[in-house]
Structure formats: C-alpha cells, structure tokens
C-alpha cells in the first residue's frame, strides 16, 4: 500500500495542500492522485487529509506519516549508493570517543566535515569522556575508535593502539592564595590537605574509576570538564593540577602561578585506539593520525611530550 509512487503522491499533496497542484507537478491526472490517496486511506483505515472546497490539510495521523514518508523517500533515493558503500567495506555507522583532555570543538567539526565528504552515507557519532571512560566506551560501549585512551598499551587483544604522546601537569594556585607565599620548598601533603581538590570526575561505568589527585581526608570539588576546572582554579576555589598547555596563558598573564609539591603528578601518556575489525572510515582516521595530518593536529595541541 506504500509503494514508491504512493509515497511520492502523498508527500506532494501534503506539501501543495492541493490534489490538482500535486498532479500537475507529478505529471499525473488529478483523478489518479486522488485515487492513490483514497486507496491508501482505505487500506490503513485512517483518514490522512481533511478535505474542504478550498483546502486540503493533514490530520494528526497524516502529519506523522508525512515525517516518516520523507525519511523513507530520502532513503530510497540514496539506497543504491549507500549499499555500494557498505559492499566496499565502509561502515554504516562509526562511533568515536574523545578524551576530555584532547577534546576540541573546532577539531571535531573539521574532522566531521572531512569524513562526511569522504563517506556521505556513514553516520558519525562523537562522545566526550574522562579518564577510564574513554577505554570503557571502546571496550563496552560499541565505539570503534578512541582519541586519547590513557596509557600506551592496549587493554584488549582485539584493539590496536598508536602512541600520541603525553601531557605534563602543573600544580597551580592564584597569586593571592595562601599557598602562593610558599616559594622556597616543595609543598607537603599536610600543607595541601586543608584546601579542596578540584577534579574532573572519571566517566567510566564498567572499569574502575580513577581519581586524578586527591589526598586522604581532603575535600573534593567535582566538575564535568576541564574548562570548569580551570575556572574554579581562577576563582581560587581549590588546588590541584592542570595540563601545562591549558594553563600556560594564565601563567604568562600572572592569573595563576605554579608551586612545587612533594609527589608531583607524573605525565599522562595518551594513545589512539581502534578495534581491529574496523572498516575503511576508521582505517582512514587512523592513517590521518599516523601521518599527523593537518586535519587532526588540533586534537594534539594539548600534548607537550613526544610519544
């Protein structure tokens, strides 16, 4: 009852709000179009149009069917090319997870623009996660590629990794913070514990969550992303470590200062990771990172240590 011609006729009548106008545009007679719509309504047992002498308007059921028919009609038009792409080994959908430390909206948009041009029938889904949440998405969340997995070794036999480099950290406070005056020696835990630690919470659901930096008995302020963490440091709400590249402009301007601490936070190595059974789209993204192509260098701006 919903063959291609019936769908085209239904969509055109709904758009024109006229049987005669729709028939003219479809190069059919008005009687033919009217008969198709009447047959459709009778076959589904639901009125799709309210007809008056002056107008033809959709019923609520007609509005719903119009939305579905447009989706179906568009898919029927693109289906041959889409099926050829799948036959050529290109994925129907690619899910990419990005570490919060490397997430860059402009870089995401540029990569998606390139991929959409190369693989127009592939659906791309981008997610941003924190710490072990990146690995969790790749291992348990139906994601095919991860930009910025923690560490330099794979956590699964069916996942390959490419070392991207590391991120170094700086312990920062505002110039008017009480710890700012302690310049001569490295700060011990007993000096730090009385000030809240500002942390971005690990988003892992299945793997063990990691805490970036927190002393026993220390109050913790949890925020959703690095930008919020940076602003909390600038407001003097607490203490902790920030990626050096992220806080460097604020160190240069004097809005933040660094202090040495006992048990300095070690650099964080990050990698690109992908499933071994991936298709052509994921393979091309991997190649872009292997070549350090300009299309992906924005993701690497936060990395200040070589792989």
C-alpha atoms as a PDB file:
ATOM      1  CA  UNK A   1       0.000   0.000   0.000  1.00  0.00           C
ATOM      2  CA  UNK A   2       3.015   2.275   0.437  1.00  0.00           C
ATOM      3  CA  UNK A   3       4.807   1.796  -2.856  1.00  0.00           C
ATOM      4  CA  UNK A   4       7.230   4.427  -4.140  1.00  0.00           C
ATOM      5  CA  UNK A   5       4.639   6.237  -6.298  1.00  0.00           C
ATOM      6  CA  UNK A   6       2.093   6.367  -3.479  1.00  0.00           C
ATOM      7  CA  UNK A   7       4.690   7.855  -1.141  1.00  0.00           C
ATOM      8  CA  UNK A   8       5.654  10.496  -3.724  1.00  0.00           C
ATOM      9  CA  UNK A   9       2.000  11.347  -4.301  1.00  0.00           C
ATOM     10  CA  UNK A  10       1.222  11.608  -0.590  1.00  0.00           C
ATOM     11  CA  UNK A  11       4.219  13.863   0.080  1.00  0.00           C
ATOM     12  CA  UNK A  12       3.415  16.147  -2.835  1.00  0.00           C
ATOM     13  CA  UNK A  13      -0.279  16.547  -1.884  1.00  0.00           C
ATOM     14  CA  UNK A  14       0.743  17.330   1.705  1.00  0.00           C
ATOM     15  CA  UNK A  15       3.274  19.933   0.549  1.00  0.00           C
ATOM     16  CA  UNK A  16       0.987  21.569  -2.017  1.00  0.00           C
ATOM     17  CA  UNK A  17      -2.217  21.227   0.031  1.00  0.00           C
ATOM     18  CA  UNK A  18      -3.871  20.564  -3.297  1.00  0.00           C
ATOM     19  CA  UNK A  19      -4.600  17.446  -5.346  1.00  0.00           C
ATOM     20  CA  UNK A  20      -4.623  19.322  -8.630  1.00  0.00           C
ATOM     21  CA  UNK A  21      -1.353  21.128  -7.981  1.00  0.00           C
ATOM     22  CA  UNK A  22       0.319  17.891  -6.864  1.00  0.00           C
ATOM     23  CA  UNK A  23      -0.949  16.132 -10.000  1.00  0.00           C
ATOM     24  CA  UNK A  24       0.452  18.922 -12.157  1.00  0.00           C
ATOM     25  CA  UNK A  25       3.900  18.694 -10.572  1.00  0.00           C
ATOM     26  CA  UNK A  26       3.942  14.907 -10.811  1.00  0.00           C
ATOM     27  CA  UNK A  27       2.679  14.946 -14.403  1.00  0.00           C
ATOM     28  CA  UNK A  28      -0.377  12.882 -13.446  1.00  0.00           C
ATOM     29  CA  UNK A  29      -4.102  13.487 -13.623  1.00  0.00           C
ATOM     30  CA  UNK A  30      -5.904  14.780 -10.550  1.00  0.00           C
ATOM     31  CA  UNK A  31      -8.091  11.672 -10.601  1.00  0.00           C
ATOM     32  CA  UNK A  32      -5.029   9.420 -10.448  1.00  0.00           C
ATOM     33  CA  UNK A  33      -3.595  11.248  -7.440  1.00  0.00           C
ATOM     34  CA  UNK A  34      -6.958  11.340  -5.654  1.00  0.00           C
ATOM     35  CA  UNK A  35      -7.447   7.630  -6.243  1.00  0.00           C
ATOM     36  CA  UNK A  36      -3.987   6.803  -4.837  1.00  0.00           C
ATOM     37  CA  UNK A  37      -4.617   8.777  -1.653  1.00  0.00           C
ATOM     38  CA  UNK A  38      -8.141   7.377  -1.221  1.00  0.00           C
ATOM     39  CA  UNK A  39      -6.851   3.826  -1.682  1.00  0.00           C
ATOM     40  CA  UNK A  40      -4.091   4.485   0.855  1.00  0.00           C
ATOM     41  CA  UNK A  41      -6.552   5.809   3.452  1.00  0.00           C
ATOM     42  CA  UNK A  42      -8.889   2.861   2.934  1.00  0.00           C
ATOM     43  CA  UNK A  43      -6.082   0.312   3.189  1.00  0.00           C
ATOM     44  CA  UNK A  44      -4.826   1.655   6.526  1.00  0.00           C
ATOM     45  CA  UNK A  45      -8.299   2.554   7.822  1.00  0.00           C
ATOM     46  CA  UNK A  46      -7.242   6.079   8.799  1.00  0.00           C
ATOM     47  CA  UNK A  47      -8.061   9.499   7.350  1.00  0.00           C
ATOM     48  CA  UNK A  48      -4.910  11.350   6.324  1.00  0.00           C
ATOM     49  CA  UNK A  49      -6.383  14.553   4.869  1.00  0.00           C
ATOM     50  CA  UNK A  50      -9.224  16.873   5.813  1.00  0.00           C
ATOM     51  CA  UNK A  51     -10.715  17.986   2.522  1.00  0.00           C
ATOM     52  CA  UNK A  52     -12.737  21.161   2.039  1.00  0.00           C
ATOM     53  CA  UNK A  53     -13.724  23.043  -1.083  1.00  0.00           C
ATOM     54  CA  UNK A  54     -10.822  25.433  -0.537  1.00  0.00           C
ATOM     55  CA  UNK A  55      -8.022  23.417   1.053  1.00  0.00           C
ATOM     56  CA  UNK A  56      -6.546  20.024   1.786  1.00  0.00           C
ATOM     57  CA  UNK A  57      -4.936  19.710   5.215  1.00  0.00           C
ATOM     58  CA  UNK A  58      -3.254  16.850   7.020  1.00  0.00           C
ATOM     59  CA  UNK A  59      -4.817  15.136  10.010  1.00  0.00           C
ATOM     60  CA  UNK A  60      -2.521  14.385  13.013  1.00  0.00           C
ATOM     61  CA  UNK A  61      -2.035  10.880  11.597  1.00  0.00           C
ATOM     62  CA  UNK A  62      -1.189  12.443   8.238  1.00  0.00           C
ATOM     63  CA  UNK A  63       1.420  14.708   9.851  1.00  0.00           C
ATOM     64  CA  UNK A  64       3.073  11.690  11.445  1.00  0.00           C
ATOM     65  CA  UNK A  65       3.016   9.703   8.203  1.00  0.00           C
ATOM     66  CA  UNK A  66       4.465  12.658   6.279  1.00  0.00           C
ATOM     67  CA  UNK A  67       7.530  12.747   8.533  1.00  0.00           C
ATOM     68  CA  UNK A  68       8.075   9.008   8.098  1.00  0.00           C
ATOM     69  CA  UNK A  69       7.482   9.089   4.350  1.00  0.00           C
ATOM     70  CA  UNK A  70      10.016  11.862   3.854  1.00  0.00           C
ATOM     71  CA  UNK A  71      12.615   9.783   5.692  1.00  0.00           C
ATOM     72  CA  UNK A  72      11.714   6.709   3.666  1.00  0.00           C
ATOM     73  CA  UNK A  73      11.665   8.587   0.364  1.00  0.00           C
ATOM     74  CA  UNK A  74      15.086  10.109   1.027  1.00  0.00           C
ATOM     75  CA  UNK A  75      16.476   6.710   1.950  1.00  0.00           C
ATOM     76  CA  UNK A  76      15.062   5.092  -1.191  1.00  0.00           C
ATOM     77  CA  UNK A  77      16.818   7.738  -3.279  1.00  0.00           C
ATOM     78  CA  UNK A  78      20.188   7.212  -1.569  1.00  0.00           C
ATOM     79  CA  UNK A  79      19.898   3.459  -1.008  1.00  0.00           C
ATOM     80  CA  UNK A  80      21.849   2.274  -4.119  1.00  0.00           C
ATOM     81  CA  UNK A  81      24.902   4.408  -3.278  1.00  0.00           C
ATOM     82  CA  UNK A  82      24.626   3.538   0.412  1.00  0.00           C
ATOM     83  CA  UNK A  83      24.569  -0.205  -0.318  1.00  0.00           C
ATOM     84  CA  UNK A  84      27.553   0.127  -2.666  1.00  0.00           C
ATOM     85  CA  UNK A  85      29.482   1.901   0.078  1.00  0.00           C
ATOM     86  CA  UNK A  86      28.704  -0.888   2.553  1.00  0.00           C
ATOM     87  CA  UNK A  87      29.751  -3.509  -0.011  1.00  0.00           C
ATOM     88  CA  UNK A  88      33.053  -1.640  -0.414  1.00  0.00           C
ATOM     89  CA  UNK A  89      33.821  -2.096   3.289  1.00  0.00           C
ATOM     90  CA  UNK A  90      32.717   1.310   4.561  1.00  0.00           C
ATOM     91  CA  UNK A  91      30.892   1.294   7.883  1.00  0.00           C
ATOM     92  CA  UNK A  92      27.223   2.277   8.106  1.00  0.00           C
ATOM     93  CA  UNK A  93      27.963   3.950  11.467  1.00  0.00           C
ATOM     94  CA  UNK A  94      31.169   4.989  13.218  1.00  0.00           C
ATOM     95  CA  UNK A  95      31.205   5.882  16.918  1.00  0.00           C
ATOM     96  CA  UNK A  96      34.222   7.900  18.085  1.00  0.00           C
ATOM     97  CA  UNK A  97      35.051   8.696  21.710  1.00  0.00           C
ATOM     98  CA  UNK A  98      37.446  11.537  22.591  1.00  0.00           C
ATOM     99  CA  UNK A  99      39.313  12.110  25.831  1.00  0.00           C
ATOM    100  CA  UNK A 100      38.273  15.270  27.649  1.00  0.00           C
ATOM    101  CA  UNK A 101      41.963  16.269  27.683  1.00  0.00           C
ATOM    102  CA  UNK A 102      42.097  16.367  23.864  1.00  0.00           C
ATOM    103  CA  UNK A 103      38.543  17.414  23.050  1.00  0.00           C
ATOM    104  CA  UNK A 104      38.436  20.459  20.781  1.00  0.00           C
ATOM    105  CA  UNK A 105      35.099  21.563  19.226  1.00  0.00           C
ATOM    106  CA  UNK A 106      36.746  23.109  16.162  1.00  0.00           C
ATOM    107  CA  UNK A 107      38.848  19.995  15.551  1.00  0.00           C
ATOM    108  CA  UNK A 108      35.770  17.814  15.894  1.00  0.00           C
ATOM    109  CA  UNK A 109      33.882  19.905  13.346  1.00  0.00           C
ATOM    110  CA  UNK A 110      36.788  19.865  10.872  1.00  0.00           C
ATOM    111  CA  UNK A 111      37.220  16.102  11.132  1.00  0.00           C
ATOM    112  CA  UNK A 112      33.481  15.510  10.705  1.00  0.00           C
ATOM    113  CA  UNK A 113      33.368  17.807   7.674  1.00  0.00           C
ATOM    114  CA  UNK A 114      36.169  15.809   6.048  1.00  0.00           C
ATOM    115  CA  UNK A 115      34.614  12.438   6.916  1.00  0.00           C
ATOM    116  CA  UNK A 116      31.161  13.493   5.756  1.00  0.00           C
ATOM    117  CA  UNK A 117      32.596  14.453   2.385  1.00  0.00           C
ATOM    118  CA  UNK A 118      34.506  11.177   2.083  1.00  0.00           C
ATOM    119  CA  UNK A 119      31.746   8.908   3.436  1.00  0.00           C
ATOM    120  CA  UNK A 120      28.396  10.663   2.883  1.00  0.00           C
ATOM    121  CA  UNK A 121      26.283   7.636   3.845  1.00  0.00           C
ATOM    122  CA  UNK A 122      28.068   6.862   7.115  1.00  0.00           C
ATOM    123  CA  UNK A 123      26.587   8.132  10.371  1.00  0.00           C
ATOM    124  CA  UNK A 124      29.210   9.535  12.739  1.00  0.00           C
ATOM    125  CA  UNK A 125      28.651   9.763  16.486  1.00  0.00           C
ATOM    126  CA  UNK A 126      31.069  11.695  18.736  1.00  0.00           C
ATOM    127  CA  UNK A 127      31.270  11.278  22.506  1.00  0.00           C
ATOM    128  CA  UNK A 128      33.485  13.013  25.081  1.00  0.00           C
ATOM    129  CA  UNK A 129      34.622  11.001  28.106  1.00  0.00           C
ATOM    130  CA  UNK A 130      37.044  11.337  31.024  1.00  0.00           C
ATOM    131  CA  UNK A 131      39.932   9.082  32.081  1.00  0.00           C
ATOM    132  CA  UNK A 132      38.903   5.395  32.041  1.00  0.00           C
ATOM    133  CA  UNK A 133      35.569   6.397  30.496  1.00  0.00           C
ATOM    134  CA  UNK A 134      37.428   6.528  27.165  1.00  0.00           C
ATOM    135  CA  UNK A 135      38.541   2.899  27.405  1.00  0.00           C
ATOM    136  CA  UNK A 136      35.131   1.934  28.775  1.00  0.00           C
ATOM    137  CA  UNK A 137      33.384   3.334  25.690  1.00  0.00           C
ATOM    138  CA  UNK A 138      35.729   1.442  23.368  1.00  0.00           C
ATOM    139  CA  UNK A 139      35.553  -1.880  25.217  1.00  0.00           C
ATOM    140  CA  UNK A 140      31.936  -1.857  26.384  1.00  0.00           C
ATOM    141  CA  UNK A 141      30.094   0.918  24.574  1.00  0.00           C
ATOM    142  CA  UNK A 142      30.024  -0.085  20.894  1.00  0.00           C
ATOM    143  CA  UNK A 143      32.606   2.518  19.883  1.00  0.00           C
ATOM    144  CA  UNK A 144      35.088   1.729  17.123  1.00  0.00           C
ATOM    145  CA  UNK A 145      37.782   4.362  17.735  1.00  0.00           C
ATOM    146  CA  UNK A 146      39.073   6.350  20.701  1.00  0.00           C
ATOM    147  CA  UNK A 147      41.170   9.503  20.555  1.00  0.00           C
ATOM    148  CA  UNK A 148      43.187   9.745  23.766  1.00  0.00           C
ATOM    149  CA  UNK A 149      42.996   6.451  25.633  1.00  0.00           C
ATOM    150  CA  UNK A 150      45.029   6.556  28.830  1.00  0.00           C
ATOM    151  CA  UNK A 151      48.349   4.755  28.725  1.00  0.00           C
ATOM    152  CA  UNK A 152      50.393   3.397  25.843  1.00  0.00           C
ATOM    153  CA  UNK A 153      49.316  -0.259  25.931  1.00  0.00           C
ATOM    154  CA  UNK A 154      46.106  -1.873  24.701  1.00  0.00           C
ATOM    155  CA  UNK A 155      43.666  -3.262  27.266  1.00  0.00           C
ATOM    156  CA  UNK A 156      42.273  -5.866  24.843  1.00  0.00           C
ATOM    157  CA  UNK A 157      43.664  -8.259  22.262  1.00  0.00           C
ATOM    158  CA  UNK A 158      41.283  -7.031  19.576  1.00  0.00           C
ATOM    159  CA  UNK A 159      42.256  -3.360  19.987  1.00  0.00           C
ATOM    160  CA  UNK A 160      45.315  -1.708  18.425  1.00  0.00           C
ATOM    161  CA  UNK A 161      46.970   1.463  19.753  1.00  0.00           C
ATOM    162  CA  UNK A 162      49.090   4.285  18.377  1.00  0.00           C
ATOM    163  CA  UNK A 163      51.067   6.341  20.902  1.00  0.00           C
ATOM    164  CA  UNK A 164      50.229  10.036  20.599  1.00  0.00           C
ATOM    165  CA  UNK A 165      52.481  11.493  23.283  1.00  0.00           C
ATOM    166  CA  UNK A 166      51.967  12.760  26.804  1.00  0.00           C
ATOM    167  CA  UNK A 167      50.517  15.628  28.795  1.00  0.00           C
ATOM    168  CA  UNK A 168      52.550  17.224  31.575  1.00  0.00           C
ATOM    169  CA  UNK A 169      50.895  18.791  34.618  1.00  0.00           C
ATOM    170  CA  UNK A 170      51.425  21.911  36.728  1.00  0.00           C
ATOM    171  CA  UNK A 171      50.250  22.487  40.290  1.00  0.00           C
ATOM    172  CA  UNK A 172      48.640  25.938  40.177  1.00  0.00           C
ATOM    173  CA  UNK A 173      47.078  28.460  42.553  1.00  0.00           C
ATOM    174  CA  UNK A 174      46.050  32.092  42.265  1.00  0.00           C
ATOM    175  CA  UNK A 175      48.627  34.753  43.304  1.00  0.00           C
ATOM    176  CA  UNK A 176      46.555  35.685  46.390  1.00  0.00           C
ATOM    177  CA  UNK A 177      46.138  32.082  47.564  1.00  0.00           C
ATOM    178  CA  UNK A 178      47.772  31.281  50.950  1.00  0.00           C
ATOM    179  CA  UNK A 179      49.979  28.663  49.257  1.00  0.00           C
ATOM    180  CA  UNK A 180      51.340  31.279  46.851  1.00  0.00           C
ATOM    181  CA  UNK A 181      53.725  32.585  49.513  1.00  0.00           C
ATOM    182  CA  UNK A 182      55.377  29.165  49.920  1.00  0.00           C
ATOM    183  CA  UNK A 183      58.145  29.505  47.345  1.00  0.00           C
ATOM    184  CA  UNK A 184      61.237  28.050  48.956  1.00  0.00           C
ATOM    185  CA  UNK A 185      60.428  24.358  49.368  1.00  0.00           C
ATOM    186  CA  UNK A 186      58.130  21.785  47.841  1.00  0.00           C
ATOM    187  CA  UNK A 187      54.722  21.676  49.498  1.00  0.00           C
ATOM    188  CA  UNK A 188      53.980  18.622  51.631  1.00  0.00           C
ATOM    189  CA  UNK A 189      50.617  16.916  51.892  1.00  0.00           C
ATOM    190  CA  UNK A 190      49.885  18.390  55.318  1.00  0.00           C
ATOM    191  CA  UNK A 191      50.028  21.888  53.785  1.00  0.00           C
ATOM    192  CA  UNK A 192      47.720  20.942  50.900  1.00  0.00           C
ATOM    193  CA  UNK A 193      45.060  18.846  52.622  1.00  0.00           C
ATOM    194  CA  UNK A 194      43.134  21.780  54.071  1.00  0.00           C
ATOM    195  CA  UNK A 195      42.300  23.130  50.600  1.00  0.00           C
ATOM    196  CA  UNK A 196      39.728  21.429  48.314  1.00  0.00           C
ATOM    197  CA  UNK A 197      40.999  19.435  45.340  1.00  0.00           C
ATOM    198  CA  UNK A 198      39.284  20.336  42.074  1.00  0.00           C
ATOM    199  CA  UNK A 199      38.821  17.289  39.860  1.00  0.00           C
ATOM    200  CA  UNK A 200      37.045  16.228  36.682  1.00  0.00           C
ATOM    201  CA  UNK A 201      35.199  13.023  37.516  1.00  0.00           C
ATOM    202  CA  UNK A 202      36.055   9.799  35.688  1.00  0.00           C
ATOM    203  CA  UNK A 203      33.081   8.824  33.473  1.00  0.00           C
ATOM    204  CA  UNK A 204      33.767   5.058  33.398  1.00  0.00           C
ATOM    205  CA  UNK A 205      30.811   2.798  34.176  1.00  0.00           C
ATOM    206  CA  UNK A 206      32.339  -0.657  33.901  1.00  0.00           C
ATOM    207  CA  UNK A 207      36.050  -0.138  34.527  1.00  0.00           C
ATOM    208  CA  UNK A 208      37.499   1.073  37.821  1.00  0.00           C
ATOM    209  CA  UNK A 209      37.301   4.856  38.074  1.00  0.00           C
ATOM    210  CA  UNK A 210      40.487   6.817  38.630  1.00  0.00           C
ATOM    211  CA  UNK A 211      40.887   9.898  40.782  1.00  0.00           C
ATOM    212  CA  UNK A 212      43.255  12.435  39.247  1.00  0.00           C
ATOM    213  CA  UNK A 213      44.660  13.791  42.521  1.00  0.00           C
ATOM    214  CA  UNK A 214      43.149  13.619  45.991  1.00  0.00           C
ATOM    215  CA  UNK A 215      44.827  13.362  49.401  1.00  0.00           C
ATOM    216  CA  UNK A 216      43.385  11.291  52.262  1.00  0.00           C
ATOM    217  CA  UNK A 217      40.876  13.401  54.177  1.00  0.00           C
ATOM    218  CA  UNK A 218      40.894  16.182  51.581  1.00  0.00           C
ATOM    219  CA  UNK A 219      37.631  17.748  50.396  1.00  0.00           C
ATOM    220  CA  UNK A 220      36.945  17.273  46.681  1.00  0.00           C
ATOM    221  CA  UNK A 221      35.110  19.532  44.243  1.00  0.00           C
ATOM    222  CA  UNK A 222      33.952  17.582  41.167  1.00  0.00           C
ATOM    223  CA  UNK A 223      33.317  19.366  37.884  1.00  0.00           C
ATOM    224  CA  UNK A 224      32.276  17.974  34.461  1.00  0.00           C
ATOM    225  CA  UNK A 225      35.093  19.255  32.235  1.00  0.00           C
ATOM    226  CA  UNK A 226      38.497  20.922  32.073  1.00  0.00           C
ATOM    227  CA  UNK A 227      37.118  24.365  31.347  1.00  0.00           C
ATOM    228  CA  UNK A 228      35.083  24.275  34.554  1.00  0.00           C
ATOM    229  CA  UNK A 229      38.135  23.046  36.465  1.00  0.00           C
ATOM    230  CA  UNK A 230      40.240  25.893  35.080  1.00  0.00           C
ATOM    231  CA  UNK A 231      37.623  28.482  36.053  1.00  0.00           C
ATOM    232  CA  UNK A 232      37.458  27.052  39.578  1.00  0.00           C
ATOM    233  CA  UNK A 233      41.229  27.452  39.889  1.00  0.00           C
ATOM    234  CA  UNK A 234      40.992  31.027  38.612  1.00  0.00           C
ATOM    235  CA  UNK A 235      38.341  31.754  41.252  1.00  0.00           C
ATOM    236  CA  UNK A 236      40.602  30.350  43.971  1.00  0.00           C
ATOM    237  CA  UNK A 237      38.115  27.645  44.951  1.00  0.00           C
ATOM    238  CA  UNK A 238      40.736  24.977  45.461  1.00  0.00           C
ATOM    239  CA  UNK A 239      44.027  23.484  44.354  1.00  0.00           C
ATOM    240  CA  UNK A 240      45.260  20.788  42.027  1.00  0.00           C
ATOM    241  CA  UNK A 241      46.988  20.094  38.736  1.00  0.00           C
ATOM    242  CA  UNK A 242      46.161  21.425  35.280  1.00  0.00           C
ATOM    243  CA  UNK A 243      47.628  20.447  31.904  1.00  0.00           C
ATOM    244  CA  UNK A 244      50.590  22.747  31.278  1.00  0.00           C
ATOM    245  CA  UNK A 245      49.469  23.741  27.813  1.00  0.00           C
ATOM    246  CA  UNK A 246      45.991  24.628  29.085  1.00  0.00           C
ATOM    247  CA  UNK A 247      47.134  26.867  31.925  1.00  0.00           C
ATOM    248  CA  UNK A 248      50.223  28.380  30.260  1.00  0.00           C
ATOM    249  CA  UNK A 249      48.420  31.549  29.010  1.00  0.00           C
ATOM    250  CA  UNK A 250      47.204  32.192  32.573  1.00  0.00           C
ATOM    251  CA  UNK A 251      50.686  31.603  33.964  1.00  0.00           C
ATOM    252  CA  UNK A 252      52.054  34.073  31.424  1.00  0.00           C
ATOM    253  CA  UNK A 253      49.458  36.683  32.406  1.00  0.00           C
ATOM    254  CA  UNK A 254      50.007  36.155  36.125  1.00  0.00           C
ATOM    255  CA  UNK A 255      46.459  34.967  36.825  1.00  0.00           C
ATOM    256  CA  UNK A 256      47.883  31.662  38.014  1.00  0.00           C
ATOM    257  CA  UNK A 257      51.246  30.658  39.473  1.00  0.00           C
ATOM    258  CA  UNK A 258      52.885  27.252  39.877  1.00  0.00           C
ATOM    259  CA  UNK A 259      54.200  25.697  43.070  1.00  0.00           C
ATOM    260  CA  UNK A 260      56.360  22.635  43.586  1.00  0.00           C
ATOM    261  CA  UNK A 261      54.774  19.850  45.574  1.00  0.00           C
ATOM    262  CA  UNK A 262      56.022  16.607  47.026  1.00  0.00           C
ATOM    263  CA  UNK A 263      54.813  13.713  44.852  1.00  0.00           C
ATOM    264  CA  UNK A 264      54.426  15.791  41.717  1.00  0.00           C
ATOM    265  CA  UNK A 265      51.830  14.380  39.318  1.00  0.00           C
ATOM    266  CA  UNK A 266      53.508  12.335  36.600  1.00  0.00           C
ATOM    267  CA  UNK A 267      52.883  12.981  32.862  1.00  0.00           C
ATOM    268  CA  UNK A 268      49.885  11.234  31.291  1.00  0.00           C
ATOM    269  CA  UNK A 269      50.648   9.196  28.160  1.00  0.00           C
ATOM    270  CA  UNK A 270      47.763   9.085  25.672  1.00  0.00           C
ATOM    271  CA  UNK A 271      47.112   6.910  22.637  1.00  0.00           C
ATOM    272  CA  UNK A 272      44.817   6.442  19.692  1.00  0.00           C
ATOM    273  CA  UNK A 273      42.992   3.100  19.955  1.00  0.00           C
ATOM    274  CA  UNK A 274      40.748   1.295  17.495  1.00  0.00           C
ATOM    275  CA  UNK A 275      39.101  -2.077  17.007  1.00  0.00           C
ATOM    276  CA  UNK A 276      40.940  -4.450  14.688  1.00  0.00           C
ATOM    277  CA  UNK A 277      37.764  -5.353  12.777  1.00  0.00           C
ATOM    278  CA  UNK A 278      37.138  -1.757  11.703  1.00  0.00           C
ATOM    279  CA  UNK A 279      36.118  -0.637   8.225  1.00  0.00           C
ATOM    280  CA  UNK A 280      37.546   1.870   5.771  1.00  0.00           C
ATOM    281  CA  UNK A 281      36.389   5.039   7.536  1.00  0.00           C
ATOM    282  CA  UNK A 282      38.118   4.138  10.807  1.00  0.00           C
ATOM    283  CA  UNK A 283      41.189   2.970   8.896  1.00  0.00           C
ATOM    284  CA  UNK A 284      41.416   6.376   7.235  1.00  0.00           C
ATOM    285  CA  UNK A 285      41.153   8.202  10.567  1.00  0.00           C
ATOM    286  CA  UNK A 286      43.995   6.042  11.900  1.00  0.00           C
ATOM    287  CA  UNK A 287      46.066   6.921   8.834  1.00  0.00           C
ATOM    288  CA  UNK A 288      45.449  10.639   9.449  1.00  0.00           C
ATOM    289  CA  UNK A 289      46.884  10.279  12.960  1.00  0.00           C
ATOM    290  CA  UNK A 290      49.804   8.149  11.776  1.00  0.00           C
ATOM    291  CA  UNK A 291      50.731  10.882   9.315  1.00  0.00           C
ATOM    292  CA  UNK A 292      49.960  13.692  11.776  1.00  0.00           C
ATOM    293  CA  UNK A 293      47.742  15.115   9.055  1.00  0.00           C
ATOM    294  CA  UNK A 294      46.661  18.756   9.426  1.00  0.00           C
ATOM    295  CA  UNK A 295      43.057  17.595   9.716  1.00  0.00           C
ATOM    296  CA  UNK A 296      43.714  16.067  13.137  1.00  0.00           C
ATOM    297  CA  UNK A 297      46.522  18.211  14.595  1.00  0.00           C
ATOM    298  CA  UNK A 298      44.003  20.219  16.603  1.00  0.00           C
ATOM    299  CA  UNK A 299      43.443  17.184  18.817  1.00  0.00           C
ATOM    300  CA  UNK A 300      47.154  17.088  19.631  1.00  0.00           C
ATOM    301  CA  UNK A 301      47.536  20.694  20.785  1.00  0.00           C
ATOM    302  CA  UNK A 302      47.337  19.699  24.453  1.00  0.00           C
ATOM    303  CA  UNK A 303      50.124  17.134  24.090  1.00  0.00           C
ATOM    304  CA  UNK A 304      53.510  18.578  25.030  1.00  0.00           C
ATOM    305  CA  UNK A 305      55.598  15.409  25.402  1.00  0.00           C
ATOM    306  CA  UNK A 306      56.712  13.198  22.487  1.00  0.00           C
ATOM    307  CA  UNK A 307      55.385   9.670  22.068  1.00  0.00           C
END
